[in-house]
Amino acid sequence: MAELTPSIQRLIRSIKETVQTAHDAGNRVLLLLPGGSASQAIEPLFRALLPYQHSLTITLSDERYVPIKDNHSNWQAVSRSAHLLPEASFVPVLSGGSRQQDSQAFSAFLEHQHQLGATIVALLGIGEDGHIAGIKPSSPACHSDNAASDYEAADFERITISGAFFSSIDHAFVYTKGAAKAAVLDQFNSLAQPADTFPVEFLRTTKHYEVYLDKEGGTMKIGFVGLGKMGSQIVEKLLGAGHSIVVFDVNSSAVAACAEKGAEAASSREELVAALGDTPIIWLMIPSDYVEQEVAAYKTLLPAGSMLIDGGNSNFHDTLRRADDLRDHQIRYVDAGTSGGIMGLENGFSLMVGGEQAAVQTLSPLFEVLSMPRGRWIHTGTPGSGHYVKMIHNGIEYALMQSYAEGYDLLKYGEIPGLNLAEIAHVWQGGSIIASSLNELIEQLLSENPELEGIDGYVADSGEGRWTYETAETAQVPMPALREALAVRQASQEGHHTFATKLLAGLRNKFGGHAINHEEK
């Protein structure tokens, strides 16, 4: 038997303790079991429950309406392990009648168990479409007063416990695997309503419930191109979560550094694609000037069904065009605007993801990992929307940086001399309305280098601020703060250097690892 994950071990231990408590009190236990990924816990659970088997009646929370010996039957997972509990009572959902007859019989059985005072324990899983025990907002089981209801699911018709029956459950244990389910389980924990999934108000009616997630079960294998400061951190963060990463970069030392951390090295695009199976997923984390040639190269190498992710700062117009072109080649293109800089490894990244719903859902385990522990991610919409939102994010960033730089410039050269800028930054960071990630970095910068010595004051412009301003002009949306920020950067590139431009250059180095002086480019 495969080694149990820590989550399954904790789950089994908790169910065992619950059953033991009921057994010691002289109560019978009705144990409801799932199909799907949660069924992998059945065999080790049965082994743990052997001392209490005389008290157990075992059935399913829902069953596909197929012959009981069909491989698609949820009962198969139970029957394969039934020999481990020879003295327990096993009651299949299907009894050989019509669907309506079996549904009524199952309803009567559950009601009888409840009337007998059995302790009702349910192990439940989350299906790929978000259901628990076959129940979703669109399910008739949500509105049934019976203890069981038939439900026409996407794959098979089902007989399932109803939403109303959850109030009869004494202990509910929800288990699933895959990082993509983390957001759903977080909403269960907070008793919020996940969108288009199991209605959480039913879970609220149980006397006690616990949720368990195995993120290990959601690991993926992807290719990664571009191992600069952010790219290498993204690779390290994904490796740390158990994902398999094949890396490629023109800088062989960067490839070697990632290989030392557990990545698989590729020496060419062809080798990278060959290492990723039938439908490769490749993440590009490269400067926008190089994206066109890389997309063109991979378009000729990738088979239909592959995915390309652009995690850099591409112009959203280019992203829209590339997505359309790749769609014609049956390659899905996802734009993942990524913010968080070189602190993202520790703090988590903020990701703005554009792309087709199915593609983003497939990639969601990656985004969940990258946003942990304090970052966030959002599916912004169709292809191009992620880079559009990230572009405007960067336009706001330009304007905010300029405002801070102007303020600290005035503090230094205004009418009150001798102010300690680092200490002022520290105080502003402690509860003031202008406290921010940027100001925190300014505090660090000024504490380390109060006069900003050795910084020439040349402030580079990577393009997104200009794109934002051009987009605003087209939309006739005034952006005077951004206009001034761009003008200051342009002037700095022409030799007009001030304390403010030095602070801007130092700040860019702090959050993005950008060159602090022009000659270092």
Protein backbone atom coordinates (compact mmCIF):
# COMPACT_ATOMS: atom_id res chain seq x y z
CA MET A 1 0.00 0.00 0.00
CA ALA A 2 1.31 3.49 -0.89
CA GLU A 3 2.58 5.67 1.92
CA LEU A 4 -0.20 7.80 3.38
CA THR A 5 0.08 11.56 3.16
CA PRO A 6 0.02 13.53 6.44
CA SER A 7 -3.46 14.83 5.59
CA ILE A 8 -4.89 11.33 5.15
CA GLN A 9 -3.18 10.18 8.34
CA ARG A 10 -4.80 13.04 10.30
CA LEU A 11 -8.14 12.37 8.63
CA ILE A 12 -8.12 8.68 9.53
CA ARG A 13 -7.03 9.40 13.08
CA SER A 14 -9.87 11.88 13.56
CA ILE A 15 -12.53 9.54 12.12
CA LYS A 16 -11.20 6.68 14.26
CA GLU A 17 -11.47 8.80 17.41
CA THR A 18 -15.02 9.79 16.49
CA VAL A 19 -16.09 6.18 15.91
CA GLN A 20 -14.33 5.04 19.08
CA THR A 21 -16.19 7.65 21.15
CA ALA A 22 -19.55 6.48 19.78
CA HIS A 23 -18.59 2.81 20.24
CA ASP A 24 -17.54 3.38 23.85
CA ALA A 25 -20.88 5.10 24.49
CA GLY A 26 -22.72 2.03 23.18
CA ASN A 27 -23.95 3.71 19.99
CA ARG A 28 -24.03 2.28 16.52
CA VAL A 29 -22.29 4.29 13.81
CA LEU A 30 -23.58 4.88 10.29
CA LEU A 31 -20.51 5.60 8.16
CA LEU A 32 -21.14 7.29 4.81
CA LEU A 33 -18.29 6.96 2.32
CA PRO A 34 -17.45 8.81 -0.94
CA GLY A 35 -16.28 8.02 -4.41
CA GLY A 36 -13.68 10.04 -6.28
CA SER A 37 -10.28 11.00 -4.86
CA ALA A 38 -11.45 10.65 -1.25
CA SER A 39 -12.03 6.92 -1.77
CA GLN A 40 -8.27 6.35 -1.53
CA ALA A 41 -8.67 6.71 2.24
CA ILE A 42 -11.13 3.80 2.51
CA GLU A 43 -8.70 0.88 2.83
CA PRO A 44 -6.47 2.45 5.53
CA LEU A 45 -9.59 3.72 7.28
CA PHE A 46 -11.09 0.22 7.42
CA ARG A 47 -7.88 -1.10 8.93
CA ALA A 48 -8.03 1.57 11.63
CA LEU A 49 -11.69 0.80 12.41
CA LEU A 50 -11.26 -2.96 12.90
CA PRO A 51 -11.70 -2.81 16.73
CA TYR A 52 -15.10 -1.14 16.32
CA GLN A 53 -16.50 -3.11 13.38
CA HIS A 54 -19.41 -4.59 15.38
CA SER A 55 -20.78 -1.06 15.77
CA LEU A 56 -20.49 -0.10 12.11
CA THR A 57 -23.05 0.16 9.33
CA ILE A 58 -21.39 1.33 6.12
CA THR A 59 -22.93 2.85 3.01
CA LEU A 60 -22.25 5.64 0.49
CA SER A 61 -23.08 9.33 0.49
CA ASP A 62 -23.86 9.11 -3.21
CA GLU A 63 -23.76 6.49 -5.95
CA ARG A 64 -23.72 6.56 -9.71
CA TYR A 65 -26.77 4.84 -11.14
CA VAL A 66 -24.86 2.04 -12.88
CA PRO A 67 -24.72 -1.72 -12.24
CA ILE A 68 -23.18 -2.35 -8.85
CA LYS A 69 -20.27 -4.31 -10.37
CA ASP A 70 -19.54 -1.61 -12.95
CA ASN A 71 -16.10 -0.03 -12.58
CA HIS A 72 -17.79 3.38 -12.40
CA SER A 73 -19.74 2.36 -9.30
CA ASN A 74 -18.57 4.10 -6.13
CA TRP A 75 -19.42 0.88 -4.28
CA GLN A 76 -16.47 -0.84 -5.92
CA ALA A 77 -13.99 1.06 -3.73
CA VAL A 78 -15.94 -0.06 -0.66
CA SER A 79 -16.41 -3.69 -1.68
CA ARG A 80 -12.71 -4.11 -2.49
CA SER A 81 -11.88 -3.41 1.15
CA ALA A 82 -14.96 -4.91 2.83
CA HIS A 83 -13.04 -8.06 3.82
CA LEU A 84 -11.08 -5.93 6.31
CA LEU A 85 -14.26 -5.48 8.40
CA PRO A 86 -16.00 -8.87 8.23
CA GLU A 87 -18.35 -8.13 11.15
CA ALA A 88 -19.51 -4.72 9.92
CA SER A 89 -22.82 -4.26 8.12
CA PHE A 90 -22.49 -3.10 4.50
CA VAL A 91 -25.52 -1.58 2.76
CA PRO A 92 -25.17 -0.58 -0.92
CA VAL A 93 -27.22 2.34 -2.19
CA LEU A 94 -28.58 0.40 -5.15
CA SER A 95 -30.85 -2.55 -4.45
CA GLY A 96 -31.68 -3.57 -8.01
CA GLY A 97 -34.90 -1.68 -8.55
CA SER A 98 -35.65 1.33 -10.71
CA ARG A 99 -33.88 4.57 -9.96
CA GLN A 100 -36.97 5.92 -8.21
CA GLN A 101 -37.40 2.72 -6.18
CA ASP A 102 -33.74 2.67 -5.15
CA SER A 103 -33.87 6.34 -4.24
CA GLN A 104 -36.93 5.81 -2.04
CA ALA A 105 -35.38 2.73 -0.42
CA PHE A 106 -32.15 4.60 0.34
CA SER A 107 -34.16 7.49 1.75
CA ALA A 108 -36.06 5.13 4.04
CA PHE A 109 -32.83 3.46 5.16
CA LEU A 110 -31.23 6.76 6.12
CA GLU A 111 -34.34 7.90 7.95
CA HIS A 112 -34.45 4.61 9.86
CA GLN A 113 -30.82 4.98 10.94
CA HIS A 114 -31.53 8.49 12.14
CA GLN A 115 -34.58 7.33 14.11
CA LEU A 116 -32.51 4.56 15.73
CA GLY A 117 -30.17 7.24 17.09
CA ALA A 118 -27.09 6.07 15.21
CA THR A 119 -24.10 8.39 15.26
CA ILE A 120 -23.87 9.49 11.63
CA VAL A 121 -20.34 10.04 10.32
CA ALA A 122 -19.73 11.14 6.72
CA LEU A 123 -16.46 11.12 4.80
CA LEU A 124 -17.03 13.39 1.81
CA GLY A 125 -14.99 14.43 -1.22
CA ILE A 126 -15.10 17.39 -3.58
CA GLY A 127 -15.69 16.41 -7.19
CA GLU A 128 -13.97 18.02 -10.17
CA ASP A 129 -17.07 20.14 -10.80
CA GLY A 130 -17.23 21.28 -7.16
CA HIS A 131 -19.98 18.97 -5.92
CA ILE A 132 -20.04 17.13 -2.60
CA ALA A 133 -22.14 13.96 -2.56
CA GLY A 134 -23.44 14.93 -5.98
CA ILE A 135 -24.87 18.18 -4.63
CA LYS A 136 -24.40 21.51 -6.43
CA PRO A 137 -26.63 24.60 -6.57
CA SER A 138 -28.26 23.17 -9.71
CA SER A 139 -28.93 19.78 -8.11
CA PRO A 140 -32.49 18.72 -7.23
CA ALA A 141 -30.99 17.36 -4.01
CA CYS A 142 -30.64 20.95 -2.79
CA HIS A 143 -34.39 21.35 -2.70
CA SER A 144 -35.50 17.85 -1.72
CA ASP A 145 -37.10 17.17 1.65
CA ASN A 146 -36.18 13.51 1.36
CA ALA A 147 -33.05 12.01 2.79
CA ALA A 148 -32.05 10.93 -0.71
CA SER A 149 -32.64 12.32 -4.15
CA ASP A 150 -31.76 11.37 -7.69
CA TYR A 151 -29.43 13.76 -9.48
CA GLU A 152 -28.51 13.97 -13.15
CA ALA A 153 -24.80 14.79 -12.99
CA ALA A 154 -22.54 15.65 -15.90
CA ASP A 155 -21.22 12.09 -16.13
CA PHE A 156 -23.80 9.74 -14.60
CA GLU A 157 -27.19 9.92 -12.96
CA ARG A 158 -26.79 9.59 -9.22
CA ILE A 159 -28.64 8.75 -6.06
CA THR A 160 -27.41 10.97 -3.27
CA ILE A 161 -28.09 12.19 0.21
CA SER A 162 -30.01 15.45 0.08
CA GLY A 163 -29.03 18.82 1.44
CA ALA A 164 -31.65 18.42 4.16
CA PHE A 165 -29.98 15.23 5.41
CA PHE A 166 -26.85 17.16 6.42
CA SER A 167 -28.64 18.33 9.55
CA SER A 168 -28.72 14.67 10.62
CA ILE A 169 -24.95 14.23 10.23
CA ASP A 170 -23.07 14.30 13.51
CA HIS A 171 -19.54 14.48 12.09
CA ALA A 172 -18.64 15.44 8.50
CA PHE A 173 -15.08 15.05 7.21
CA VAL A 174 -14.36 16.70 3.84
CA TYR A 175 -11.25 15.48 2.04
CA THR A 176 -9.84 16.38 -1.34
CA LYS A 177 -6.50 16.71 -3.05
CA GLY A 178 -4.86 19.27 -5.30
CA ALA A 179 -3.78 22.84 -4.61
CA ALA A 180 -6.60 24.05 -6.85
CA LYS A 181 -9.13 23.05 -4.16
CA ALA A 182 -7.48 25.19 -1.47
CA ALA A 183 -9.62 28.25 -2.20
CA VAL A 184 -12.83 26.21 -1.96
CA LEU A 185 -11.81 24.69 1.35
CA ASP A 186 -10.80 28.08 2.72
CA GLN A 187 -14.33 29.27 1.99
CA PHE A 188 -15.77 26.23 3.76
CA ASN A 189 -13.62 27.05 6.79
CA SER A 190 -14.94 30.60 6.84
CA LEU A 191 -18.49 29.42 6.07
CA ALA A 192 -18.54 31.60 2.96
CA GLN A 193 -20.29 30.36 -0.16
CA PRO A 194 -17.94 29.05 -2.86
CA ALA A 195 -19.18 29.93 -6.33
CA ASP A 196 -21.15 27.21 -8.16
CA THR A 197 -20.13 24.46 -5.78
CA PHE A 198 -21.68 22.56 -2.90
CA PRO A 199 -23.99 24.99 -1.01
CA VAL A 200 -22.08 25.63 2.19
CA GLU A 201 -25.20 26.30 4.25
CA PHE A 202 -25.79 22.54 4.29
CA LEU A 203 -22.37 21.95 5.83
CA ARG A 204 -23.27 24.54 8.46
CA THR A 205 -26.17 22.37 9.63
CA THR A 206 -23.95 19.43 10.60
CA LYS A 207 -23.05 19.17 14.27
CA HIS A 208 -19.31 19.10 13.51
CA TYR A 209 -17.19 19.18 10.39
CA GLU A 210 -13.51 19.19 9.45
CA VAL A 211 -11.77 19.74 6.11
CA TYR A 212 -8.55 18.18 4.82
CA LEU A 213 -6.55 19.09 1.73
CA ASP A 214 -3.62 17.27 0.16
CA LYS A 215 -1.88 19.87 -1.98
CA GLU A 216 0.64 17.16 -2.86
CA GLY A 217 -2.03 15.54 -4.97
CA GLY A 218 -2.18 18.56 -7.26
CA THR A 219 1.43 18.65 -8.39
CA MET A 220 2.26 19.32 -12.03
CA LYS A 221 5.20 19.13 -14.41
CA ILE A 222 5.93 22.23 -16.46
CA GLY A 223 8.73 23.81 -18.44
CA PHE A 224 10.12 27.17 -17.39
CA VAL A 225 12.03 29.58 -19.63
CA GLY A 226 13.71 32.67 -18.17
CA LEU A 227 15.64 32.30 -14.93
CA GLY A 228 16.25 35.91 -13.99
CA LYS A 229 15.60 37.32 -10.54
CA MET A 230 11.86 36.68 -10.51
CA GLY A 231 11.92 33.62 -12.74
CA SER A 232 14.37 31.76 -10.54
CA GLN A 233 12.28 32.58 -7.47
CA ILE A 234 9.11 31.31 -9.13
CA VAL A 235 10.90 28.07 -9.99
CA GLU A 236 12.15 27.71 -6.42
CA LYS A 237 8.69 28.33 -4.98
CA LEU A 238 7.07 25.76 -7.28
CA LEU A 239 9.77 23.20 -6.54
CA GLY A 240 9.21 23.72 -2.83
CA ALA A 241 5.55 22.76 -3.28
CA GLY A 242 6.44 19.50 -5.02
CA HIS A 243 5.90 20.54 -8.63
CA SER A 244 8.33 19.18 -11.25
CA ILE A 245 10.05 21.90 -13.26
CA VAL A 246 12.20 21.55 -16.38
CA VAL A 247 14.21 24.75 -16.87
CA PHE A 248 15.91 26.39 -19.85
CA ASP A 249 17.77 29.68 -20.15
CA VAL A 250 20.52 31.10 -22.35
CA ASN A 251 22.44 31.63 -19.11
CA SER A 252 23.77 28.15 -18.32
CA SER A 253 24.82 29.15 -14.81
CA ALA A 254 21.21 30.11 -14.01
CA VAL A 255 20.09 26.70 -15.27
CA ALA A 256 22.71 25.01 -13.10
CA ALA A 257 21.61 26.99 -10.04
CA CYS A 258 18.00 25.85 -10.48
CA ALA A 259 19.12 22.28 -11.11
CA GLU A 260 20.91 22.33 -7.75
CA LYS A 261 17.56 23.16 -6.15
CA GLY A 262 15.84 20.20 -7.79
CA ALA A 263 14.83 21.35 -11.27
CA GLU A 264 15.53 19.27 -14.36
CA ALA A 265 17.88 21.05 -16.77
CA ALA A 266 17.30 21.34 -20.52
CA SER A 267 19.96 22.56 -22.92
CA SER A 268 17.64 23.57 -25.77
CA ARG A 269 14.02 24.37 -26.56
CA GLU A 270 13.68 20.98 -28.23
CA GLU A 271 14.99 19.17 -25.16
CA LEU A 272 12.64 21.17 -22.94
CA VAL A 273 9.56 20.26 -24.99
CA ALA A 274 10.60 16.59 -25.24
CA ALA A 275 10.81 16.35 -21.43
CA LEU A 276 7.21 17.49 -20.90
CA GLY A 277 5.11 14.70 -22.38
CA ASP A 278 2.26 14.80 -24.87
CA THR A 279 0.74 18.18 -23.92
CA PRO A 280 3.52 20.40 -22.56
CA ILE A 281 2.95 23.42 -20.36
CA ILE A 282 5.67 26.07 -20.63
CA TRP A 283 5.99 29.26 -18.58
CA LEU A 284 7.88 32.15 -20.20
CA MET A 285 9.40 34.67 -17.78
CA ILE A 286 11.42 36.85 -20.12
CA PRO A 287 11.62 40.55 -21.09
CA SER A 288 8.84 41.69 -23.40
CA ASP A 289 11.31 42.38 -26.24
CA TYR A 290 12.08 38.65 -26.49
CA VAL A 291 8.59 37.19 -26.13
CA GLU A 292 7.74 37.38 -29.83
CA GLN A 293 10.68 35.27 -30.94
CA GLU A 294 10.18 32.72 -28.17
CA VAL A 295 6.47 32.32 -28.89
CA ALA A 296 7.25 31.88 -32.58
CA ALA A 297 9.87 29.25 -31.78
CA TYR A 298 7.67 27.23 -29.43
CA LYS A 299 4.72 27.45 -31.81
CA THR A 300 6.65 25.22 -34.21
CA LEU A 301 7.63 22.76 -31.46
CA LEU A 302 4.50 22.35 -29.36
CA PRO A 303 1.77 19.82 -30.21
CA ALA A 304 -1.94 20.60 -30.15
CA GLY A 305 -3.31 20.89 -26.62
CA SER A 306 -0.17 22.50 -25.21
CA MET A 307 -0.16 25.66 -23.11
CA LEU A 308 2.13 28.69 -23.09
CA ILE A 309 2.12 31.04 -20.10
CA ASP A 310 3.59 34.54 -20.45
CA GLY A 311 4.40 35.69 -16.93
CA GLY A 312 6.26 38.82 -17.98
CA ASN A 313 5.14 42.35 -18.82
CA SER A 314 4.00 42.05 -22.42
CA ASN A 315 1.83 44.69 -24.05
CA PHE A 316 -1.73 43.40 -23.87
CA HIS A 317 -2.28 44.18 -27.56
CA ASP A 318 0.55 41.77 -28.39
CA THR A 319 -0.93 39.21 -26.02
CA LEU A 320 -4.32 39.39 -27.74
CA ARG A 321 -2.68 38.87 -31.13
CA ARG A 322 -0.53 35.97 -29.92
CA ALA A 323 -3.48 34.27 -28.23
CA ASP A 324 -5.48 34.40 -31.47
CA ASP A 325 -2.54 33.08 -33.49
CA LEU A 326 -1.80 30.24 -31.08
CA ARG A 327 -5.48 29.31 -30.89
CA ASP A 328 -5.33 28.58 -34.61
CA HIS A 329 -2.56 26.08 -33.78
CA GLN A 330 -4.61 24.61 -30.89
CA ILE A 331 -2.15 25.99 -28.34
CA ARG A 332 -3.69 27.80 -25.37
CA TYR A 333 -2.05 31.07 -24.33
CA VAL A 334 -2.34 32.35 -20.77
CA ASP A 335 -1.09 35.76 -19.66
CA ALA A 336 -0.07 35.89 -16.01
CA GLY A 337 0.82 39.40 -14.93
CA THR A 338 3.08 38.84 -11.93
CA SER A 339 3.81 41.34 -9.17
CA GLY A 340 5.75 40.90 -5.96
CA GLY A 341 9.30 41.39 -7.15
CA ILE A 342 12.16 39.63 -5.47
CA MET A 343 10.16 39.42 -2.22
CA GLY A 344 7.62 37.10 -3.82
CA LEU A 345 9.48 33.95 -2.83
CA GLU A 346 8.93 34.72 0.84
CA ASN A 347 5.71 36.74 0.78
CA GLY A 348 3.86 35.27 -2.18
CA PHE A 349 3.17 36.85 -5.54
CA SER A 350 0.18 38.82 -6.77
CA LEU A 351 -0.96 37.29 -10.07
CA MET A 352 -3.38 38.70 -12.61
CA VAL A 353 -4.26 35.85 -14.97
CA GLY A 354 -5.98 36.12 -18.33
CA GLY A 355 -6.98 33.13 -20.42
CA GLU A 356 -9.69 30.64 -21.23
CA GLN A 357 -11.46 29.32 -18.14
CA ALA A 358 -10.46 25.68 -18.70
CA ALA A 359 -6.79 26.56 -19.18
CA VAL A 360 -6.66 28.74 -16.07
CA GLN A 361 -8.39 26.04 -14.04
CA THR A 362 -5.77 23.53 -15.15
CA LEU A 363 -3.00 25.90 -14.08
CA SER A 364 -4.62 26.98 -10.82
CA PRO A 365 -2.44 24.68 -8.63
CA LEU A 366 0.56 26.73 -9.79
CA PHE A 367 -1.11 30.04 -9.03
CA GLU A 368 -2.26 28.82 -5.61
CA VAL A 369 1.31 27.94 -4.65
CA LEU A 370 2.83 31.13 -6.02
CA SER A 371 0.39 33.35 -4.14
CA MET A 372 1.10 31.76 -0.76
CA PRO A 373 1.34 32.87 2.02
CA ARG A 374 0.29 36.51 1.72
CA GLY A 375 -0.19 37.03 -2.02
CA ARG A 376 -3.33 36.59 -4.08
CA TRP A 377 -4.33 35.64 -7.60
CA ILE A 378 -7.30 36.37 -9.80
CA HIS A 379 -8.61 35.09 -13.11
CA THR A 380 -9.24 38.47 -14.70
CA GLY A 381 -10.99 37.15 -17.80
CA THR A 382 -10.21 36.31 -21.41
CA PRO A 383 -6.70 36.24 -22.91
CA GLY A 384 -5.00 39.63 -22.69
CA SER A 385 -6.90 40.77 -19.60
CA GLY A 386 -4.16 39.66 -17.21
CA HIS A 387 -1.52 41.77 -18.95
CA TYR A 388 -4.00 44.65 -19.25
CA VAL A 389 -4.60 44.68 -15.50
CA LYS A 390 -0.88 44.28 -14.78
CA MET A 391 -0.07 47.17 -17.15
CA ILE A 392 -2.39 49.50 -15.25
CA HIS A 393 -0.95 48.18 -11.98
CA ASN A 394 2.48 49.28 -13.19
CA GLY A 395 1.14 52.66 -14.29
CA ILE A 396 -0.18 53.20 -10.77
CA GLU A 397 3.19 52.03 -9.46
CA TYR A 398 5.01 54.70 -11.52
CA ALA A 399 2.76 57.45 -10.17
CA LEU A 400 2.99 56.27 -6.56
CA MET A 401 6.77 56.04 -6.72
CA GLN A 402 6.93 59.56 -8.12
CA SER A 403 4.72 60.90 -5.32
CA TYR A 404 6.92 59.31 -2.66
CA ALA A 405 10.08 60.58 -4.37
CA GLU A 406 8.73 64.13 -4.51
CA GLY A 407 7.72 64.04 -0.85
CA TYR A 408 11.07 62.78 0.39
CA ASP A 409 12.84 65.28 -1.88
CA LEU A 410 10.90 68.09 -0.21
CA LEU A 411 11.66 66.69 3.25
CA LYS A 412 15.36 66.77 2.42
CA TYR A 413 15.55 70.19 0.79
CA GLY A 414 12.52 72.02 2.21
CA GLU A 415 12.31 74.71 4.85
CA ILE A 416 13.06 72.46 7.86
CA PRO A 417 16.65 71.22 7.58
CA GLY A 418 18.21 68.16 9.20
CA LEU A 419 15.20 65.85 9.18
CA ASN A 420 15.95 62.13 9.56
CA LEU A 421 14.23 60.68 6.52
CA ALA A 422 14.69 57.04 7.51
CA GLU A 423 13.04 57.64 10.88
CA ILE A 424 10.20 59.55 9.25
CA ALA A 425 9.70 56.67 6.82
CA HIS A 426 9.65 54.30 9.79
CA VAL A 427 6.97 56.34 11.57
CA TRP A 428 4.89 56.66 8.40
CA GLN A 429 5.05 52.90 8.01
CA GLY A 430 3.56 52.46 11.48
CA GLY A 431 -0.14 53.00 10.96
CA SER A 432 -0.21 56.08 8.73
CA ILE A 433 -2.49 56.30 5.72
CA ILE A 434 0.50 56.29 3.34
CA ALA A 435 2.07 53.15 4.78
CA SER A 436 2.75 50.72 1.93
CA SER A 437 5.11 48.13 0.51
CA LEU A 438 6.86 50.90 -1.41
CA ASN A 439 7.34 53.05 1.68
CA GLU A 440 8.66 50.04 3.59
CA LEU A 441 11.36 49.66 0.95
CA ILE A 442 12.08 53.39 1.07
CA GLU A 443 12.64 53.04 4.81
CA GLN A 444 15.12 50.24 4.18
CA LEU A 445 16.88 52.20 1.43
CA LEU A 446 17.26 55.38 3.49
CA SER A 447 18.36 53.46 6.58
CA GLU A 448 21.14 51.82 4.59
CA ASN A 449 22.11 54.87 2.55
CA PRO A 450 20.69 58.17 3.89
CA GLU A 451 22.35 60.31 1.21
CA LEU A 452 21.78 57.76 -1.58
CA GLU A 453 25.48 57.85 -2.32
CA GLY A 454 26.68 55.94 -5.35
CA ILE A 455 23.30 56.16 -7.10
CA ASP A 456 23.49 58.22 -10.29
CA GLY A 457 19.77 59.02 -10.52
CA TYR A 458 19.09 57.48 -13.93
CA VAL A 459 15.59 55.97 -13.81
CA ALA A 460 14.85 53.35 -16.45
CA ASP A 461 11.47 52.99 -18.13
CA SER A 462 10.49 49.40 -18.93
CA GLY A 463 7.45 50.35 -21.00
CA GLU A 464 4.34 49.54 -18.99
CA GLY A 465 3.92 53.10 -17.70
CA ARG A 466 4.01 54.47 -21.24
CA TRP A 467 1.57 51.80 -22.44
CA THR A 468 -0.79 52.71 -19.61
CA TYR A 469 -0.67 56.38 -20.51
CA GLU A 470 -1.22 55.68 -24.22
CA THR A 471 -4.18 53.44 -23.35
CA ALA A 472 -5.59 56.18 -21.11
CA GLU A 473 -5.29 58.74 -23.90
CA THR A 474 -7.16 56.43 -26.27
CA ALA A 475 -9.88 55.99 -23.64
CA GLN A 476 -9.84 59.75 -22.87
CA VAL A 477 -9.07 59.06 -19.21
CA PRO A 478 -6.84 61.82 -17.74
CA MET A 479 -3.71 60.58 -15.93
CA PRO A 480 -1.74 63.69 -14.94
CA ALA A 481 0.19 61.96 -12.15
CA LEU A 482 1.42 59.25 -14.49
CA ARG A 483 2.24 61.84 -17.16
CA GLU A 484 4.50 63.70 -14.72
CA ALA A 485 6.12 60.45 -13.52
CA LEU A 486 7.00 59.54 -17.10
CA ALA A 487 8.36 63.03 -17.76
CA VAL A 488 10.65 62.83 -14.71
CA ARG A 489 12.00 59.46 -15.83
CA GLN A 490 12.60 60.78 -19.32
CA ALA A 491 14.43 63.81 -17.93
CA SER A 492 16.59 61.55 -15.75
CA GLN A 493 17.60 59.59 -18.83
CA GLU A 494 18.72 62.89 -20.40
CA GLY A 495 20.95 63.74 -17.44
CA HIS A 496 18.63 65.62 -15.05
CA HIS A 497 19.36 63.86 -11.75
CA THR A 498 17.98 64.80 -8.33
CA PHE A 499 17.59 63.25 -4.90
CA ALA A 500 14.12 62.22 -6.05
CA THR A 501 15.41 60.36 -9.12
CA LYS A 502 18.11 58.70 -7.01
CA LEU A 503 15.41 57.48 -4.66
CA LEU A 504 13.40 56.16 -7.62
CA ALA A 505 16.42 54.27 -8.96
CA GLY A 506 17.21 52.84 -5.53
CA LEU A 507 13.59 51.83 -5.01
CA ARG A 508 13.48 49.97 -8.35
CA ASN A 509 16.57 48.07 -7.26
CA LYS A 510 14.95 47.18 -3.95
CA PHE A 511 11.74 45.67 -5.25
CA GLY A 512 12.85 44.32 -8.61
CA GLY A 513 16.60 43.90 -8.43
CA HIS A 514 16.94 46.34 -11.33
CA ALA A 515 20.30 47.95 -12.08
CA ILE A 516 20.82 50.82 -9.68
CA ASN A 517 22.95 52.85 -12.11
CA HIS A 518 22.76 53.37 -15.86
CA GLU A 519 26.20 51.92 -16.60
CA GLU A 520 25.24 48.66 -14.88
CA LYS A 521 22.58 47.88 -17.48
